C-alpha cells in the first residue's frame, strides 16, 4: 500500500505542473496524514509504537508495518522473560537500555527519526531511540516520561528507592547512557579500570512533555526534513496529524506543535511563489485559518498575502480589483494592515483620476469628496490634501507660465480657502503677489516717464487697492506726489 500511495503522489505533482505550468504545487487538502484520535495519553506501549510508525510514514497493512510490530513484540517478549520479581525498577530501566542495544539499535544517524528504520535497520537518532525506550520501559510497568531540549530528546525514569521518588535520566543514544553524569565501569582488569562518563550539560533548558507530544517528535522531525526538500504534499498532512493528536492539550509543547503546523502551512504558501501566493495561496490559507483557527502567526502571513494581492493590482492600476481583494479578506488581516492597504488603494484611485482629468475638475472632485466623507481617516485626509494641493499647483503653474500673475494671485486665494494650511500654496501666492507688484510698478513707471501722470496714478491706486501695505507701491506713491508737488 505504501508504494501505491507514493505512486499517486507522483501523479499529483505531474498534474499540478501540467495544469498550471507554474513549477509549483498549488493546492493540498487540509486533512491529516492519518487519524490519531484513537491514541490517548496513557494508551498501551504497542499503540505508542503504532503511532510512531504512522508518524514515520508506515500504515496498517503494509509489509513495513507488520515487520516493525513483529520486531517490537519480540523485544517486549525478551524484556518480559528477563524481568524478575527481585529486580528493582532502576535495574529494570537499565536492562531495557541494554537489551535495546543488543537487539535493535546498532548505528547512530543524526536525522534518522523513523521508528520502522530503527526497528528494521538498527539506525537511530535521539528521537527514535527515546521513543523505543519509552514504549519498552512502559511495557514493564515502569514510570517513564519524555524530555525535550531545543536540540535533543531523551527519557527520565521515575523510581521509588525507599527514600522517595528518584528521577533517573536515560541518554538513549548511548548504550551506557543510563543515569548520565555518573561514572560507570566500562571494563576492568587486574591492571586498570576504565570508566564511562556522560556529561549532563547537554540537558540544559529541558522540558518534560506529554506522552503524545513526545511520540509526535518523530513527525516533527520528518516535517522538518520534508520542508528542507520542499515536499509539502507530505509535510502539510503530517503537521496537521501531529497537531490534531495534541490539540486538546494545554501546554507549552502543544502550543509549539500548533506553531510548527502554522509554519509548515505558511511556508507552503511562500513556496508557491508570486503570483501563485495570491491566486492560490491566499484562499488556501484562509481555508486553513477557518478550519484550524486564526493564530497571530497565520494572521501575519495573511497580512503579507493580502498585501501582495493588493499591491499587484495597484501596480497594474487596477484599484477596483485591489478593493475587491481588500474587502473580501478584511476579517483575516489586522486593522493596521487594512488601514495601510486602504490608503494605498485610495492613492492609486486618486493618481489615476489626477492624471486623466483636468485640474479644475480634479480639485473640485477633491472638495466634493471631502464634504461627502466627513469622517475620513487621518491617512486618507492627508492623501486627499496632497492630491488637492497638487491639483492647485497644476492650475497655478498655468497662470505662472502665462505670466498672468494677478490672475494667479486671485486663484491662489481660492486655493487657500480649500487648503488653508498649505505652505506650498502660500508661497505661490506670495510669488504671484511679488510678480504682480512688479508688473504694476513697471506699467506705472512707463506711464509716469511718459508724463501720463493721471493714468500712472490710476494704475498706482489700483495696485494699492490690491496690495495696500506693499512697500514698493507706497514708495511709488510718494515719488509721484513729489513730482506732482502735492
Protein backbone atom coordinates (compact mmCIF):
# COMPACT_ATOMS: atom_id res chain seq x y z
CA UNK A 1 0.00 0.00 0.00
CA UNK A 2 2.86 2.37 0.68
CA UNK A 3 4.23 2.01 -2.85
CA UNK A 4 0.75 2.71 -4.21
CA UNK A 5 0.47 5.86 -2.10
CA UNK A 6 3.79 7.16 -3.39
CA UNK A 7 2.73 6.42 -6.98
CA UNK A 8 -0.36 8.56 -6.66
CA UNK A 9 1.71 11.35 -5.08
CA UNK A 10 3.91 11.45 -8.17
CA UNK A 11 0.87 11.65 -10.43
CA UNK A 12 -0.47 14.50 -8.28
CA UNK A 13 2.71 16.54 -8.76
CA UNK A 14 2.67 15.92 -12.51
CA UNK A 15 -0.94 17.07 -12.79
CA UNK A 16 -0.16 20.23 -10.80
CA UNK A 17 2.66 21.16 -13.16
CA UNK A 18 0.84 20.28 -16.37
CA UNK A 19 -2.40 22.02 -15.41
CA UNK A 20 -0.87 25.28 -14.29
CA UNK A 21 2.62 25.24 -15.81
CA UNK A 22 3.91 27.03 -12.74
CA UNK A 23 6.51 24.66 -11.39
CA UNK A 24 4.76 24.71 -8.01
CA UNK A 25 2.03 22.67 -6.31
CA UNK A 26 -0.99 24.95 -5.95
CA UNK A 27 -3.27 23.00 -3.60
CA UNK A 28 -3.03 20.42 -0.84
CA UNK A 29 -6.09 19.05 1.00
CA UNK A 30 -6.28 20.32 4.58
CA UNK A 31 -6.61 16.83 6.02
CA UNK A 32 -4.34 14.89 8.37
CA UNK A 33 -1.99 12.23 7.04
CA UNK A 34 -3.69 9.74 9.36
CA UNK A 35 -6.35 9.56 12.06
CA UNK A 36 -4.75 9.82 15.51
CA UNK A 37 -7.98 10.10 17.51
CA UNK A 38 -7.72 6.52 18.78
CA UNK A 39 -4.42 7.20 20.57
CA UNK A 40 -4.66 8.53 24.12
CA UNK A 41 -2.11 9.85 26.58
CA UNK A 42 -1.94 6.57 28.50
CA UNK A 43 -2.54 4.04 25.74
CA UNK A 44 -0.67 0.71 25.67
CA UNK A 45 3.02 0.61 24.77
CA UNK A 46 2.43 -1.08 21.41
CA UNK A 47 -0.03 1.65 20.49
CA UNK A 48 2.67 4.26 21.03
CA UNK A 49 4.86 2.31 18.65
CA UNK A 50 1.99 2.21 16.16
CA UNK A 51 1.60 5.98 16.46
CA UNK A 52 5.34 6.33 15.95
CA UNK A 53 5.07 4.18 12.82
CA UNK A 54 2.29 6.40 11.48
CA UNK A 55 4.46 9.45 12.05
CA UNK A 56 7.27 7.59 10.29
CA UNK A 57 5.21 7.12 7.14
CA UNK A 58 4.15 3.49 7.54
CA UNK A 59 0.49 2.48 7.71
CA UNK A 60 -1.52 -0.54 8.84
CA UNK A 61 -1.45 -3.43 6.41
CA UNK A 62 1.82 -2.69 4.63
CA UNK A 63 4.80 -5.00 5.00
CA UNK A 64 6.91 -2.46 6.89
CA UNK A 65 4.15 -2.03 9.45
CA UNK A 66 3.80 -5.75 10.09
CA UNK A 67 7.56 -6.41 10.24
CA UNK A 68 8.11 -3.46 12.58
CA UNK A 69 5.43 -4.60 15.03
CA UNK A 70 6.78 -8.14 14.87
CA UNK A 71 10.24 -6.86 15.80
CA UNK A 72 8.88 -4.71 18.61
CA UNK A 73 6.78 -7.55 20.03
CA UNK A 74 9.88 -9.75 20.09
CA UNK A 75 11.67 -7.01 22.03
CA UNK A 76 8.85 -6.80 24.56
CA UNK A 77 8.83 -10.60 24.89
CA UNK A 78 12.55 -10.73 25.64
CA UNK A 79 12.23 -7.98 28.24
CA UNK A 80 9.28 -9.78 29.82
CA UNK A 81 11.26 -13.04 30.05
CA UNK A 82 14.23 -11.24 31.64
CA UNK A 83 12.02 -9.43 34.13
CA UNK A 84 12.11 -10.90 37.61
CA UNK A 85 10.34 -10.15 40.86
CA UNK A 86 13.56 -9.39 42.74
CA UNK A 87 14.69 -6.66 40.25
CA UNK A 88 14.29 -3.04 41.30
CA UNK A 89 12.67 -0.57 38.89
CA UNK A 90 16.07 1.06 38.44
CA UNK A 91 17.58 -2.27 37.41
CA UNK A 92 14.70 -2.87 35.01
CA UNK A 93 15.18 0.55 33.43
CA UNK A 94 18.86 -0.13 32.95
CA UNK A 95 18.09 -3.55 31.47
CA UNK A 96 15.74 -2.02 28.87
CA UNK A 97 18.53 0.20 27.51
CA UNK A 98 20.96 -2.73 27.44
CA UNK A 99 18.54 -5.01 25.56
CA UNK A 100 17.69 -2.24 23.08
CA UNK A 101 21.33 -2.08 22.07
CA UNK A 102 21.66 -5.87 21.96
CA UNK A 103 18.56 -6.43 19.82
CA UNK A 104 17.66 -3.26 17.91
CA UNK A 105 19.97 -0.23 17.92
CA UNK A 106 23.25 -0.53 16.01
CA UNK A 107 24.12 2.67 14.13
CA UNK A 108 23.54 6.33 15.07
CA UNK A 109 22.36 8.65 12.28
CA UNK A 110 21.59 12.24 13.26
CA UNK A 111 18.46 12.67 11.11
CA UNK A 112 17.07 9.17 11.37
CA UNK A 113 13.86 9.60 13.39
CA UNK A 114 11.73 6.91 11.73
CA UNK A 115 10.62 4.15 14.07
CA UNK A 116 10.47 1.44 11.41
CA UNK A 117 14.03 2.21 10.25
CA UNK A 118 15.25 1.95 13.85
CA UNK A 119 13.44 -1.37 14.36
CA UNK A 120 14.24 -2.99 11.00
CA UNK A 121 17.64 -1.49 10.14
CA UNK A 122 19.02 -0.53 13.54
CA UNK A 123 19.66 3.09 12.51
CA UNK A 124 18.51 5.66 15.06
CA UNK A 125 18.84 9.15 16.50
CA UNK A 126 17.83 10.63 19.87
CA UNK A 127 14.13 10.77 18.94
CA UNK A 128 13.65 7.27 17.51
CA UNK A 129 15.82 5.68 20.24
CA UNK A 130 13.98 7.55 23.00
CA UNK A 131 10.54 6.58 21.68
CA UNK A 132 11.58 2.92 21.58
CA UNK A 133 12.96 3.11 25.11
CA UNK A 134 9.84 4.94 26.29
CA UNK A 135 7.49 2.25 24.95
CA UNK A 136 9.64 -0.71 26.02
CA UNK A 137 10.06 0.60 29.57
CA UNK A 138 6.33 1.24 29.88
CA UNK A 139 5.66 -2.34 28.78
CA UNK A 140 7.33 -3.43 32.05
CA UNK A 141 5.12 -1.08 34.04
CA UNK A 142 7.87 1.48 34.60
CA UNK A 143 7.10 5.17 35.04
CA UNK A 144 8.97 6.87 32.22
CA UNK A 145 8.45 10.28 30.66
CA UNK A 146 9.79 12.09 27.65
CA UNK A 147 12.14 15.06 27.88
CA UNK A 148 12.80 17.72 25.25
CA UNK A 149 15.51 20.36 24.86
CA UNK A 150 15.83 22.73 21.91
CA UNK A 151 18.12 20.22 20.13
CA UNK A 152 17.72 16.92 21.93
CA UNK A 153 15.29 14.29 23.24
CA UNK A 154 15.76 11.71 26.00
CA UNK A 155 13.82 9.92 28.75
CA UNK A 156 13.53 10.14 32.50
CA UNK A 157 12.74 7.08 34.62
CA UNK A 158 10.97 7.67 37.94
CA UNK A 159 11.61 5.05 40.65
CA UNK A 160 10.94 4.71 44.36
CA UNK A 161 14.25 3.83 46.04
CA UNK A 162 12.77 3.63 49.53
CA UNK A 163 13.59 7.26 50.32
CA UNK A 164 11.09 8.73 47.91
CA UNK A 165 10.79 9.22 44.17
CA UNK A 166 14.10 9.32 42.31
CA UNK A 167 14.44 10.70 38.77
CA UNK A 168 16.97 8.96 36.53
CA UNK A 169 17.76 10.37 33.10
CA UNK A 170 18.31 7.95 30.25
CA UNK A 171 20.50 9.03 27.33
CA UNK A 172 19.18 6.62 24.73
CA UNK A 173 21.77 7.41 22.06
CA UNK A 174 24.41 5.56 24.06
CA UNK A 175 24.40 2.01 25.43
CA UNK A 176 25.91 3.39 28.66
CA UNK A 177 23.57 6.34 28.85
CA UNK A 178 21.60 5.19 31.89
CA UNK A 179 21.85 7.87 34.58
CA UNK A 180 24.32 10.08 32.63
CA UNK A 181 26.68 12.23 34.63
CA UNK A 182 27.67 9.33 36.89
CA UNK A 183 30.73 7.15 36.49
CA UNK A 184 30.05 3.74 35.04
CA UNK A 185 32.62 0.94 34.92
CA UNK A 186 33.14 0.04 31.28
CA UNK A 187 35.70 -2.71 31.78
CA UNK A 188 38.13 -3.79 34.50
CA UNK A 189 41.28 -5.90 34.63
CA UNK A 190 43.92 -6.54 37.25
CA UNK A 191 45.99 -3.61 35.93
CA UNK A 192 43.39 -0.87 35.32
CA UNK A 193 39.74 0.11 35.49
CA UNK A 194 38.15 2.25 32.73
CA UNK A 195 35.06 4.36 33.43
CA UNK A 196 32.38 5.81 31.13
CA UNK A 197 31.01 9.31 31.80
CA UNK A 198 28.19 11.22 30.06
CA UNK A 199 28.03 14.97 30.86
CA UNK A 200 24.67 16.47 31.81
CA UNK A 201 25.31 19.87 30.21
CA UNK A 202 23.55 18.76 27.02
CA UNK A 203 20.29 18.68 29.04
CA UNK A 204 20.06 22.44 29.60
CA UNK A 205 16.64 24.04 29.03
CA UNK A 206 14.92 20.71 29.31
CA UNK A 207 11.14 20.31 29.33
CA UNK A 208 9.14 17.29 30.35
CA UNK A 209 6.40 16.85 27.76
CA UNK A 210 3.27 14.72 27.43
CA UNK A 211 3.44 11.21 26.03
CA UNK A 212 1.61 12.18 22.84
CA UNK A 213 3.85 15.20 22.30
CA UNK A 214 6.90 13.01 22.87
CA UNK A 215 5.94 10.41 20.25
CA UNK A 216 4.96 13.30 17.96
CA UNK A 217 8.61 14.41 17.84
CA UNK A 218 9.02 11.71 15.17
CA UNK A 219 6.52 13.57 12.98
CA UNK A 220 8.06 16.94 13.82
CA UNK A 221 11.50 15.83 12.62
CA UNK A 222 10.08 14.33 9.43
CA UNK A 223 8.16 17.56 8.73
CA UNK A 224 11.42 19.46 9.06
CA UNK A 225 13.06 17.10 6.56
CA UNK A 226 10.15 17.48 4.14
CA UNK A 227 10.33 21.28 4.32
CA UNK A 228 14.03 21.15 3.51
CA UNK A 229 13.08 19.12 0.43
CA UNK A 230 10.13 21.42 -0.46
CA UNK A 231 7.96 18.32 -0.13
CA UNK A 232 4.80 20.00 1.15
CA UNK A 233 2.49 17.28 -0.16
CA UNK A 234 3.73 15.16 2.74
CA UNK A 235 4.74 17.90 5.19
CA UNK A 236 1.32 19.59 5.43
CA UNK A 237 -0.83 16.49 6.18
CA UNK A 238 1.80 15.21 8.63
CA UNK A 239 1.91 18.52 10.50
CA UNK A 240 -1.90 18.54 10.70
CA UNK A 241 -1.99 14.99 12.05
CA UNK A 242 0.59 15.89 14.70
CA UNK A 243 -1.42 18.93 15.78
CA UNK A 244 -4.74 17.07 15.95
CA UNK A 245 -3.21 14.44 18.24
CA UNK A 246 -2.45 17.09 20.93
CA UNK A 247 -4.85 19.98 20.17
CA UNK A 248 -6.86 19.33 23.35
CA UNK A 249 -3.73 19.64 25.47
CA UNK A 250 -2.97 22.96 27.15
CA UNK A 251 0.80 23.02 27.42
CA UNK A 252 3.79 24.89 26.11
CA UNK A 253 4.74 21.95 23.90
CA UNK A 254 1.25 21.63 22.41
CA UNK A 255 1.40 25.34 21.55
CA UNK A 256 4.74 24.68 19.89
CA UNK A 257 3.18 21.87 17.84
CA UNK A 258 0.49 24.30 16.67
CA UNK A 259 3.11 26.85 15.68
CA UNK A 260 5.04 24.14 13.82
CA UNK A 261 1.89 23.40 11.81
CA UNK A 262 1.39 27.11 11.11
CA UNK A 263 4.98 27.39 9.91
CA UNK A 264 4.63 24.40 7.56
CA UNK A 265 1.44 25.76 6.00
CA UNK A 266 2.69 29.34 5.70
CA UNK A 267 5.97 28.11 4.22
CA UNK A 268 3.94 26.18 1.66
CA UNK A 269 2.23 29.42 0.58
CA UNK A 270 5.62 31.09 0.34
CA UNK A 271 6.95 28.16 -1.71
CA UNK A 272 4.19 28.67 -4.27
CA UNK A 273 5.92 31.85 -5.38
CA UNK A 274 4.34 35.02 -6.68
CA UNK A 275 1.71 35.25 -8.21
CA UNK A 276 0.64 31.75 -7.06
CA UNK A 277 0.66 33.06 -3.49
CA UNK A 278 -2.09 35.49 -4.44
CA UNK A 279 -4.09 33.29 -6.79
CA UNK A 280 -3.99 30.03 -4.84
CA UNK A 281 -2.12 30.55 -1.56
CA UNK A 282 -4.37 33.27 -0.15
CA UNK A 283 -7.70 31.37 -0.39
CA UNK A 284 -5.90 28.19 0.74
CA UNK A 285 -4.52 29.87 3.87
CA UNK A 286 -7.92 31.42 4.59
CA UNK A 287 -9.46 27.95 4.43
CA UNK A 288 -6.69 26.75 6.76
CA UNK A 289 -7.49 29.54 9.25
CA UNK A 290 -11.21 28.76 9.10
CA UNK A 291 -10.53 25.06 9.66
CA UNK A 292 -7.94 25.24 12.44
CA UNK A 293 -8.31 28.75 13.82
CA UNK A 294 -6.63 32.09 13.13
CA UNK A 295 -3.43 32.50 15.15
CA UNK A 296 -1.24 35.58 15.32
CA UNK A 297 1.39 33.88 13.15
CA UNK A 298 -1.13 32.93 10.46
CA UNK A 299 -2.64 36.42 10.52
CA UNK A 300 0.80 37.96 9.91
CA UNK A 301 1.20 35.73 6.87
CA UNK A 302 -2.31 36.55 5.66
CA UNK A 303 -1.38 40.23 6.01
CA UNK A 304 1.56 39.60 3.68
CA UNK A 305 -0.53 37.67 1.14
CA UNK A 306 -3.33 40.25 1.07
CA UNK A 307 -0.72 42.99 0.80
CA UNK A 308 0.86 41.23 -2.19
CA UNK A 309 -2.55 40.77 -3.81
CA UNK A 310 -3.47 44.43 -3.39
CA UNK A 311 -0.08 45.79 -4.46
CA UNK A 312 -0.11 43.57 -7.54
CA UNK A 313 -3.40 45.19 -8.57
CA UNK A 314 -2.38 48.74 -7.71
CA UNK A 315 0.87 48.34 -9.64
CA UNK A 316 -1.29 47.49 -12.65
CA UNK A 317 -3.51 50.49 -11.91
CA UNK A 318 -6.46 48.25 -11.09
CA UNK A 319 -7.80 49.86 -7.93
CA UNK A 320 -11.20 48.18 -8.34
CA UNK A 321 -9.67 44.69 -8.20
CA UNK A 322 -7.46 45.74 -5.30
CA UNK A 323 -10.55 46.86 -3.38
CA UNK A 324 -12.22 43.52 -4.06
CA UNK A 325 -9.27 41.68 -2.51
CA UNK A 326 -9.10 44.02 0.47
CA UNK A 327 -12.75 43.77 1.46
CA UNK A 328 -13.01 40.07 0.67
CA UNK A 329 -10.23 39.29 3.17
CA UNK A 330 -10.76 42.17 5.58
CA UNK A 331 -11.70 39.94 8.52
CA UNK A 332 -8.47 37.94 8.17
CA UNK A 333 -5.99 40.81 8.37
CA UNK A 334 -5.02 43.23 11.12
CA UNK A 335 -6.59 46.69 11.40
CA UNK A 336 -3.17 48.24 10.82
CA UNK A 337 -2.71 46.32 7.58
CA UNK A 338 -6.23 47.15 6.44
CA UNK A 339 -5.69 50.87 7.01
CA UNK A 340 -2.36 50.81 5.15
CA UNK A 341 -3.81 48.99 2.15
CA UNK A 342 -6.95 51.11 2.13
CA UNK A 343 -4.71 54.19 1.85
CA UNK A 344 -2.66 52.59 -0.94
CA UNK A 345 -5.80 51.83 -2.96
CA UNK A 346 -7.14 55.35 -2.36
CA UNK A 347 -3.81 56.78 -3.54
CA UNK A 348 -3.98 54.61 -6.69
CA UNK A 349 -7.52 55.80 -7.45
CA UNK A 350 -6.60 59.44 -6.90
CA UNK A 351 -3.44 59.14 -9.00
CA UNK A 352 -5.41 57.71 -11.89
CA UNK A 353 -8.02 60.46 -11.69
CA UNK A 354 -5.37 63.15 -11.25
CA UNK A 355 -3.52 62.02 -14.39
CA UNK A 356 -6.51 61.90 -16.71
CA UNK A 357 -8.75 64.73 -15.51
CA UNK A 358 -8.48 68.50 -15.97
CA UNK A 359 -7.02 70.08 -12.80
CA UNK A 360 -10.02 72.39 -12.24
CA UNK A 361 -12.39 69.40 -12.29
CA UNK A 362 -9.99 67.38 -10.14
CA UNK A 363 -9.70 69.92 -7.31
CA UNK A 364 -13.48 70.28 -7.24
CA UNK A 365 -13.78 66.49 -7.08
CA UNK A 366 -11.43 66.51 -4.08
CA UNK A 367 -13.51 69.19 -2.36
CA UNK A 368 -16.75 67.29 -3.01
CA UNK A 369 -15.16 64.07 -1.75
CA UNK A 370 -14.16 65.80 1.49
CA UNK A 371 -17.70 67.10 2.01
CA UNK A 372 -19.24 63.69 1.25
CA UNK A 373 -16.89 61.88 3.66
CA UNK A 374 -16.79 63.94 6.87
CA UNK A 375 -15.33 61.04 8.89
CA UNK A 376 -12.37 60.44 6.61
CA UNK A 377 -9.41 58.70 8.27
CA UNK A 378 -6.27 60.67 9.07
CA UNK A 379 -4.36 58.74 6.41
CA UNK A 380 -6.88 59.45 3.67
CA UNK A 381 -7.25 63.08 4.77
CA UNK A 382 -3.50 63.55 4.38
CA UNK A 383 -3.56 61.95 0.93
CA UNK A 384 -6.59 63.97 -0.15
CA UNK A 385 -4.88 67.20 0.92
CA UNK A 386 -1.77 66.21 -1.01
CA UNK A 387 -3.66 65.46 -4.22
CA UNK A 388 -5.85 68.53 -3.92
CA UNK A 389 -2.74 70.64 -3.35
CA UNK A 390 -1.06 69.08 -6.40
CA UNK A 391 -4.15 69.88 -8.45
CA UNK A 392 -4.00 73.51 -7.39
CA UNK A 393 -0.26 73.65 -8.10
CA UNK A 394 -1.03 72.49 -11.63
CA UNK A 395 -3.64 75.23 -12.02
CA UNK A 396 -1.43 77.97 -10.57
CA UNK A 397 1.56 76.87 -12.64
CA UNK A 398 -0.51 77.50 -15.76
CA UNK A 399 -1.07 81.10 -14.61
CA UNK A 400 2.62 81.46 -13.95
CA UNK A 401 3.59 80.03 -17.34
CA UNK A 402 1.24 82.55 -19.00
CA UNK A 403 2.69 85.34 -16.80
CA UNK A 404 -0.81 86.10 -15.57
CA UNK A 405 0.46 86.93 -12.10
CA UNK A 406 -2.54 88.88 -10.99
CA UNK A 407 -4.89 86.12 -12.13
CA UNK A 408 -2.69 83.62 -10.33
CA UNK A 409 -2.86 85.72 -7.17
CA UNK A 410 -6.66 85.76 -7.29
CA UNK A 411 -6.75 81.99 -7.96
CA UNK A 412 -4.34 81.25 -5.12
CA UNK A 413 -6.80 82.87 -2.72
CA UNK A 414 -9.41 80.35 -3.82
CA UNK A 415 -6.93 77.52 -3.41
CA UNK A 416 -6.02 78.59 0.14
CA UNK A 417 -9.68 78.65 1.15
CA UNK A 418 -9.77 74.91 0.36
CA UNK A 419 -6.36 74.06 1.83
CA UNK A 420 -5.53 76.86 4.29
CA UNK A 421 -2.60 75.01 5.82
CA UNK A 422 -0.64 74.54 2.59
CA UNK A 423 2.78 76.20 2.83
CA UNK A 424 3.37 75.49 -0.87
CA UNK A 425 0.24 77.33 -1.98
CA UNK A 426 1.02 80.16 0.43
CA UNK A 427 4.46 80.53 -1.14
CA UNK A 428 2.97 80.53 -4.64
CA UNK A 429 0.56 83.26 -3.59
CA UNK A 430 3.50 85.35 -2.34
CA UNK A 431 5.32 84.82 -5.63
CA UNK A 432 2.26 85.87 -7.62
CA UNK A 433 1.87 88.96 -5.46
CA UNK A 434 5.54 89.92 -5.89
CA UNK A 435 5.40 89.47 -9.65
CA UNK A 436 2.05 91.29 -9.91
CA UNK A 437 3.52 94.24 -7.99
CA UNK A 438 6.49 94.29 -10.34
CA UNK A 439 4.15 94.38 -13.36
CA UNK A 440 2.08 97.18 -11.81
CA UNK A 441 5.24 99.10 -10.87
CA UNK A 442 6.66 98.76 -14.38
CA UNK A 443 3.39 99.85 -16.01
CA UNK A 444 3.21 102.79 -13.61
CA UNK A 445 6.80 103.74 -14.35
CA UNK A 446 6.24 103.66 -18.12
CA UNK A 447 3.22 105.93 -17.81
CA UNK A 448 4.93 108.32 -15.41
CA UNK A 449 8.08 108.52 -17.50
CA UNK A 450 5.89 109.48 -20.46
CA UNK A 451 4.27 112.20 -18.28
CA UNK A 452 0.93 110.46 -18.40
CA UNK A 453 0.54 111.17 -14.73
CA UNK A 454 -3.21 110.75 -14.49
CA UNK A 455 -3.07 107.25 -15.98
CA UNK A 456 0.01 106.46 -13.89
CA UNK A 457 -1.82 107.48 -10.73
CA UNK A 458 -4.83 105.34 -11.65
CA UNK A 459 -2.52 102.38 -12.16
CA UNK A 460 -0.88 103.02 -8.82
CA UNK A 461 -4.17 103.39 -6.96
CA UNK A 462 -5.36 100.13 -8.49
CA UNK A 463 -2.24 98.37 -7.24
CA UNK A 464 -2.55 99.83 -3.74
CA UNK A 465 -6.21 98.76 -3.57
CA UNK A 466 -4.98 95.19 -4.06
CA UNK A 467 -1.79 95.40 -2.01
CA UNK A 468 -2.22 98.37 0.35
CA UNK A 469 0.79 97.54 2.50
CA UNK A 470 3.26 96.91 -0.30
CA UNK A 471 6.39 98.99 0.25
CA UNK A 472 7.25 99.28 -3.47
CA UNK A 473 3.88 100.72 -4.40
CA UNK A 474 3.94 103.04 -1.37
CA UNK A 475 7.33 104.35 -2.45
CA UNK A 476 5.99 104.90 -5.98
CA UNK A 477 3.10 106.90 -4.50
CA UNK A 478 5.47 109.16 -2.56
CA UNK A 479 7.62 109.80 -5.66
CA UNK A 480 4.56 110.62 -7.73
CA UNK A 481 3.33 113.08 -5.09
CA UNK A 482 6.69 114.84 -5.14
CA UNK A 483 6.59 115.06 -8.94
CA UNK A 484 3.08 116.48 -8.75
CA UNK A 485 4.20 118.72 -5.85
CA UNK A 486 1.48 117.58 -3.53
